[in-house]
Amino acid sequence: MKRILPALRSLALFAAVAPAAFWAHAQAPQPPEIAARTYMLVDVTANQVLAAKDIDAPVEQASLTKLMTGYLVFDALRAKKVTLDQKLPVSVRAWKMPGSRMFIDPKMQVPVDDLLKGMIVQSGNDATMALAEGVGGTVENFVKLMNDQAQALGMKGTVYKNPEGLTEPGHTTTARDLATLATRLMQDFPEFMHYYATKQYSYPGTPASNGNNRNMLLFRDPTVDGLKTGHTAAAGYCLVATSKRDFPNVGQRRLLSIVLGAASENARANESQKLLNWGYTAFDAVKLFDAGQPVATPAVWKGTESTIRIGRAEAIVVAVPSDSAGKVTTQIVRQDPLVAPFTKGQAIGSLKVVLGDQPLTEVPLVALDGVEQAGVLGRAWDAIRLWIK
């Protein structure tokens, strides 16, 4: 499997943000005390970082590694390299994996669908190994695919040494990279996200007592629908959690919390819940433009059309400190003149969003329609007009 999905330009936004500096200057609400080595809260809908601590510090990955394993399996499913009902063998290597287990053995042929549940719900290292071997051919090749995909997504602080997350020298990541990976998982593979919301699962013939999802927030907060827990002695207790809640005039608003190195299973859930609740109450979501609504319709030169609509295929939403929506202003930044041809989806400038007198975020704008190049006479006439201009 050689297909590597590239990073989206929009994700460079929160990857480049230094939220603490801006929010401190803007005197926005400060996040609550979070009992963890590092944490991060992202408004996925607005593509903004709301809170962060040591998000570039290298940390042990533990079973959060399985987020990338899932990404590659979902990609293989979409490319029809494997199918959900396809049965994969269980190698002795998979069977002997230590740590969290699905309790499968070499006598079994297990469908990919069940292996995914075993990996995600039960955090089974045996299920993870069977998937890695089934998709990558060998574990070693699968790990190479993991690292290649991490580079393609812009995860500069991540190195994978295995597909399951057991402690191994150099097998590290960062909170920032985990935010990138979790966000891309949700954006790229929405049809598979139900696995992360599954509360209970056990494969027939295996212990039912092993069936509860380790993400305690799935049982506490009905708005939480993912994603993954992790724990080793070196990593501490970790949780990447996401929630979506409905808000007037905005619709569904999704937040993503990353809590790494908490003291216990209960603590990682409590601290994640604290971050999510704070994000929803301390910041308002403001919709600036609907999905597909043009932000501007500037003139086009040397094209078959005289203007072009620019905007975003999805709604443009920003997160602002509560009760400060009236202070938001916008400014379009683009090249001038715009000379055809343009393809639909082509980047054309950006929308700068300012809160008071401080920059808040910058949203890339694209062509909502294509504009073909005009004929020889049309191009010549516009060339004269541009010269006069």
Foldseek 3Di string as FASTA:
>chain_A
DPDADFADPLLVFQVPDPQVVQCVVVVFDDADDAQFPWKWKAFLQQSHTDDIDQQLDKFQCFQLLLLLLVVLLLVCCVVPVDHQQFWFAQDPVLCPDDDFALNDDRVDTHGNVQLLLGCWQLVHSSSSLRSLCSRQVHQVSSQVVSVVNLVRNVQVRAHCDGRRRDDDPPGIGGNSSSVSSVSCCCVVCVVPLQSFLDAFDHDPPDDRVSTGGLQCVSVVPVQKRDDHWGDDPRWATWGWIKGWDQDPPPGIIMMIMTGTGHHDSVSNNVSRVSRVVCQPQQKDKDFPAAALGFPDWDAEAQWPDGTFGKDHNHTNIHIDGPPQVVQKDKDWDFDPPHYDFFAAFAWTTWIFIARNNHTDTIGTMTTNHTIHGHDPVRNVVRVVVVVVD
